[in-house]
């Protein structure tokens, strides 16, 4: 089947790594547009991530508070972390939930997949719904330099924060809207 948008496709002419960090890479490419002109494209290579909407038996959502250095402030968000080499997105979600919160879940399902920064990164976040969550934050095994506070919040509280603009994390907002669609009586 022919691509109906082939007149938009850009072809990579050259590509170079301009920065290689611990897990992020910055690339500078030269791309040929359909009209033949050449343009520079700078973008971040990201390994991908998984995020988790973890529900307890009362339908409350497990949330994290943590400092986000680039923004210079504390954020309230759902648990999440980068996909390690050789892991599936589900394995990452299960590992991150246990490492960051000390919790496990009996039932897992895909909630959605998002591309949060399409203008400058190839990052993909797989968002999962986890039910039958149990455990204790006493069993969390945080990464070196990671500080996280966990708390349970009602879906209604969280949707009020989203609607009032006081929960700006995009993966958390999207996850909560999807949860609301599946269970509209809870928020």
Foldseek 3Di string as FASTA:
>chain_A
DDDPVVQADKAWPDKDWPDDDPFKTKMWTWIQHSVRDIDIAIAIEGQAKEFEQEQEPVRWTKWKWFADVVVRGIAIATFMDGDDPPDDRVRRHQVRCCQQAVKGADDKDWLDKDQPCVRHYRYIYTYMYGYRMDGGSVRHNYDVPTDMDMDIGFLVVVVVCVVVVNHPDPVRNVSSVSVCVVPVVGD
